[in-house]
Amino acid sequence: MPADTVLLLPGMMCDERLWQPQIAALAQRTVVPDTTRDDNFAAMAARILASAPPQFALAGLSMGGILAFELWRQAPERITHMALLDTNPHPEQPARRALRVDEIAAVLAGGLREMAIESMKPAYLAAANRDDEALLTRILDMALELGADVFERQSVALRDRPDSVPTLATIGCPVHIICGLEDTLCPVAYHETMANHIADARLSVLANCGHLSTLEQPDAVNDLLTALFAR
């Protein structure tokens, strides 16, 4: 049955601007929930479910995809379709957990702008998109407007997230998995794992695309989401 409402779940330090091309293109009612107020995914999901319609579709990018797994664990009967974009079903690795502590301290000491600028070109974007000033400005603006406290809460949530690999086999709705070929944060192999474990899953790997597929390849993402939510 086609979806009526789609919840668009942003990545870390992102807001509705991450989904602007999809909000404009999708026929369904779209809602971008607030993912800035909690420091764990269980609370984040419970907050969203309290105000969500009885049934809805999901699209989550990066942290938003990790949140989508938690929403499925809490309320699978309410989710009609799921799109997982540039995300990671695995728990945090020990080395990355330790690095989070240093990142949080640096940001709380006033280093958010510097961290965002240093990381976003090489880590977030495909080579062809790293000099796109409009795209870079949008990414930086989202991070700076959300601020250091949100960075801390979302970092803690990601650091302490559960392993979602066991959840994959329980997902029973139609799923489309989308990733950028040049995504170094959540590489193609993660998405192949998801596609291999979810029964009704399709996988699309987008060329000239890094971690932010909704903005780097919006037309391709719009077409894939439109087809998924019509199923």
Protein backbone atom coordinates (compact mmCIF):
# COMPACT_ATOMS: atom_id res chain seq x y z
CA MET A 1 0.00 0.00 0.00
CA PRO A 2 1.44 3.42 -0.91
CA ALA A 3 2.69 5.58 1.95
CA ASP A 4 0.64 8.62 3.07
CA THR A 5 3.18 10.25 5.40
CA VAL A 6 6.96 10.04 5.31
CA LEU A 7 9.17 10.85 8.28
CA LEU A 8 12.51 12.20 7.03
CA LEU A 9 15.19 11.57 9.65
CA PRO A 10 18.27 13.82 9.40
CA GLY A 11 21.89 12.89 9.88
CA MET A 12 24.06 14.22 12.68
CA MET A 13 24.11 18.04 12.87
CA CYS A 14 21.57 18.28 10.06
CA ASP A 15 17.98 19.49 9.90
CA GLU A 16 15.21 19.76 7.30
CA ARG A 17 17.65 21.40 4.87
CA LEU A 18 19.23 17.98 4.35
CA TRP A 19 15.90 16.84 2.87
CA GLN A 20 14.88 20.00 1.03
CA PRO A 21 14.95 18.42 -2.47
CA GLN A 22 12.86 15.49 -1.26
CA ILE A 23 10.34 17.66 0.57
CA ALA A 24 9.77 19.51 -2.68
CA ALA A 25 9.52 16.37 -4.83
CA LEU A 26 7.60 13.77 -2.82
CA ALA A 27 3.86 13.52 -3.24
CA GLN A 28 3.39 12.34 0.35
CA ARG A 29 3.08 14.53 3.39
CA THR A 30 6.60 14.89 4.79
CA VAL A 31 7.62 15.47 8.40
CA VAL A 32 11.15 16.12 9.65
CA PRO A 33 11.13 15.18 13.35
CA ASP A 34 13.24 16.92 15.98
CA THR A 35 16.27 14.72 16.66
CA THR A 36 18.20 17.30 18.70
CA ARG A 37 16.83 16.91 22.21
CA ASP A 38 17.93 13.43 23.34
CA ASP A 39 21.28 11.74 23.89
CA ASN A 40 20.11 8.20 23.10
CA PHE A 41 18.18 6.59 20.29
CA ALA A 42 15.56 4.92 22.48
CA ALA A 43 14.40 8.29 23.80
CA MET A 44 14.67 9.89 20.36
CA ALA A 45 12.43 7.21 18.86
CA ALA A 46 9.90 7.35 21.71
CA ARG A 47 9.61 11.12 21.31
CA ILE A 48 8.97 10.76 17.57
CA LEU A 49 6.44 7.96 18.00
CA ALA A 50 4.44 10.01 20.50
CA SER A 51 3.48 12.52 17.81
CA ALA A 52 3.71 10.43 14.62
CA PRO A 53 0.61 9.23 12.76
CA PRO A 54 -0.60 5.66 13.35
CA GLN A 55 1.24 4.51 10.22
CA PHE A 56 4.06 6.13 8.30
CA ALA A 57 7.02 5.53 6.02
CA LEU A 58 10.60 6.35 7.01
CA ALA A 59 13.67 7.67 5.27
CA GLY A 60 16.81 8.08 7.35
CA LEU A 61 20.27 9.25 6.34
CA SER A 62 23.34 8.37 8.42
CA MET A 63 22.30 8.97 12.04
CA GLY A 64 18.73 9.06 10.73
CA GLY A 65 19.11 5.51 9.42
CA ILE A 66 20.39 4.36 12.81
CA LEU A 67 17.32 6.00 14.34
CA ALA A 68 15.12 4.20 11.80
CA PHE A 69 16.35 0.86 13.18
CA GLU A 70 15.31 1.94 16.69
CA LEU A 71 11.89 3.06 15.46
CA TRP A 72 11.45 -0.36 13.88
CA ARG A 73 12.40 -2.07 17.15
CA GLN A 74 9.86 0.00 19.08
CA ALA A 75 6.94 0.07 16.63
CA PRO A 76 7.35 -2.23 13.60
CA GLU A 77 3.61 -2.45 13.05
CA ARG A 78 3.42 1.30 12.35
CA ILE A 79 6.10 1.46 9.63
CA THR A 80 4.97 0.83 6.05
CA HIS A 81 8.17 1.49 4.05
CA MET A 82 11.79 2.28 4.91
CA ALA A 83 14.61 4.00 3.02
CA LEU A 84 18.09 3.69 4.50
CA LEU A 85 20.58 6.15 3.09
CA ASP A 86 24.33 6.30 3.74
CA THR A 87 24.02 4.64 7.12
CA ASN A 88 25.60 2.07 9.40
CA PRO A 89 23.97 -0.91 11.16
CA HIS A 90 27.07 -1.65 13.25
CA PRO A 91 27.82 -0.47 16.81
CA GLU A 92 30.50 2.10 17.46
CA GLN A 93 34.03 0.72 17.24
CA PRO A 94 36.28 1.21 20.32
CA ALA A 95 38.70 3.58 18.57
CA ARG A 96 35.84 5.73 17.33
CA ARG A 97 34.26 5.77 20.80
CA ALA A 98 37.46 7.18 22.24
CA LEU A 99 37.69 9.81 19.51
CA ARG A 100 34.16 11.01 20.30
CA VAL A 101 35.31 12.07 23.76
CA ASP A 102 37.99 14.31 22.27
CA GLU A 103 35.60 15.72 19.66
CA ILE A 104 32.98 16.62 22.25
CA ALA A 105 35.58 18.38 24.41
CA ALA A 106 36.88 20.35 21.43
CA VAL A 107 33.42 21.45 20.34
CA LEU A 108 32.32 22.45 23.84
CA ALA A 109 35.49 24.55 24.02
CA GLY A 110 34.38 26.52 20.96
CA GLY A 111 35.72 24.41 18.10
CA LEU A 112 32.49 23.54 16.25
CA ARG A 113 33.17 25.72 13.20
CA GLU A 114 36.72 24.44 12.84
CA MET A 115 35.66 20.81 13.16
CA ALA A 116 32.86 21.21 10.65
CA ILE A 117 35.08 22.90 8.09
CA GLU A 118 37.94 20.43 8.51
CA SER A 119 35.78 17.34 8.22
CA MET A 120 33.05 18.09 5.72
CA LYS A 121 34.96 18.28 2.43
CA PRO A 122 37.01 15.08 2.65
CA ALA A 123 34.58 13.06 4.78
CA TYR A 124 31.15 14.04 3.55
CA LEU A 125 31.31 14.76 -0.17
CA ALA A 126 32.34 13.03 -3.37
CA ALA A 127 35.38 14.46 -5.13
CA ALA A 128 33.21 16.16 -7.77
CA ASN A 129 31.21 18.01 -5.09
CA ARG A 130 33.96 19.26 -2.76
CA ASP A 131 34.11 22.70 -4.36
CA ASP A 132 30.34 23.25 -4.45
CA GLU A 133 30.16 26.41 -2.32
CA ALA A 134 26.38 26.36 -1.97
CA LEU A 135 26.47 22.79 -0.70
CA LEU A 136 29.36 23.46 1.67
CA THR A 137 27.61 26.55 3.03
CA ARG A 138 24.42 24.60 3.67
CA ILE A 139 26.30 21.90 5.60
CA LEU A 140 28.18 24.45 7.69
CA ASP A 141 25.07 26.53 8.39
CA MET A 142 23.16 23.50 9.66
CA ALA A 143 25.96 22.52 12.02
CA LEU A 144 26.55 26.01 13.41
CA GLU A 145 22.86 26.76 13.91
CA LEU A 146 22.28 23.49 15.78
CA GLY A 147 25.25 24.26 18.02
CA ALA A 148 27.60 22.59 20.48
CA ASP A 149 24.97 21.16 22.84
CA VAL A 150 23.28 19.25 20.02
CA PHE A 151 26.69 18.04 18.86
CA GLU A 152 27.31 16.63 22.32
CA ARG A 153 23.92 14.91 22.62
CA GLN A 154 24.06 13.36 19.16
CA SER A 155 27.68 12.28 19.62
CA VAL A 156 26.77 10.47 22.84
CA ALA A 157 23.81 8.78 21.13
CA LEU A 158 26.02 7.57 18.29
CA ARG A 159 28.79 6.49 20.67
CA ASP A 160 26.41 4.37 22.76
CA ARG A 161 24.20 3.04 19.98
CA PRO A 162 23.24 -0.65 19.96
CA ASP A 163 24.24 -3.14 17.29
CA SER A 164 21.47 -3.05 14.68
CA VAL A 165 22.71 -5.97 12.59
CA PRO A 166 20.43 -8.42 14.47
CA THR A 167 17.50 -6.08 13.73
CA LEU A 168 17.95 -6.32 9.96
CA ALA A 169 16.40 -9.76 9.58
CA THR A 170 13.29 -8.62 11.48
CA ILE A 171 12.48 -5.80 9.04
CA GLY A 172 9.43 -6.88 7.08
CA CYS A 173 8.38 -3.80 5.11
CA PRO A 174 9.65 -2.77 1.64
CA VAL A 175 13.11 -1.23 1.97
CA HIS A 176 15.35 0.67 -0.42
CA ILE A 177 19.00 1.06 0.55
CA ILE A 178 20.80 3.99 -1.08
CA CYS A 179 24.43 5.01 -0.77
CA GLY A 180 27.07 7.07 -2.49
CA LEU A 181 29.84 5.16 -4.22
CA GLU A 182 32.33 7.55 -2.59
CA ASP A 183 30.84 7.46 0.91
CA THR A 184 33.87 6.96 3.16
CA LEU A 185 31.95 7.30 6.44
CA CYS A 186 29.44 4.55 5.63
CA PRO A 187 30.99 2.57 2.77
CA VAL A 188 29.17 0.45 0.22
CA ALA A 189 29.99 -2.74 2.15
CA TYR A 190 27.75 -1.64 5.03
CA HIS A 191 24.86 -1.28 2.62
CA GLU A 192 25.52 -4.65 1.04
CA THR A 193 25.29 -6.17 4.52
CA MET A 194 21.91 -4.51 5.03
CA ALA A 195 20.66 -5.64 1.63
CA ASN A 196 21.75 -9.20 2.34
CA HIS A 197 19.92 -9.39 5.67
CA ILE A 198 16.64 -7.55 4.94
CA ALA A 199 14.15 -9.74 3.09
CA ASP A 200 12.46 -7.14 0.87
CA ALA A 201 15.41 -4.83 0.17
CA ARG A 202 16.76 -3.20 -2.96
CA LEU A 203 20.18 -1.56 -3.15
CA SER A 204 21.22 1.44 -5.26
CA VAL A 205 24.79 2.78 -5.31
CA LEU A 206 25.06 6.30 -6.75
CA ALA A 207 28.08 7.50 -8.72
CA ASN A 208 29.63 10.93 -8.04
CA CYS A 209 28.11 10.79 -4.57
CA GLY A 210 29.56 10.74 -1.08
CA HIS A 211 27.81 10.66 2.31
CA LEU A 212 25.08 13.23 1.67
CA SER A 213 23.18 11.59 -1.17
CA THR A 214 20.00 13.64 -0.66
CA LEU A 215 21.93 16.80 -1.57
CA GLU A 216 24.66 15.41 -3.84
CA GLN A 217 22.35 13.39 -6.10
CA PRO A 218 18.87 14.72 -5.31
CA ASP A 219 17.18 13.74 -8.57
CA ALA A 220 18.31 10.12 -8.31
CA VAL A 221 17.28 9.93 -4.65
CA ASN A 222 13.91 11.50 -5.41
CA ASP A 223 13.22 8.91 -8.13
CA LEU A 224 14.15 6.01 -5.86
CA LEU A 225 12.08 7.27 -2.93
CA THR A 226 9.09 7.99 -5.15
CA ALA A 227 9.18 4.42 -6.45
CA LEU A 228 9.58 2.95 -2.96
CA PHE A 229 6.75 4.90 -1.36
CA ALA A 230 4.39 4.00 -4.23
CA ARG A 231 4.78 0.27 -3.56
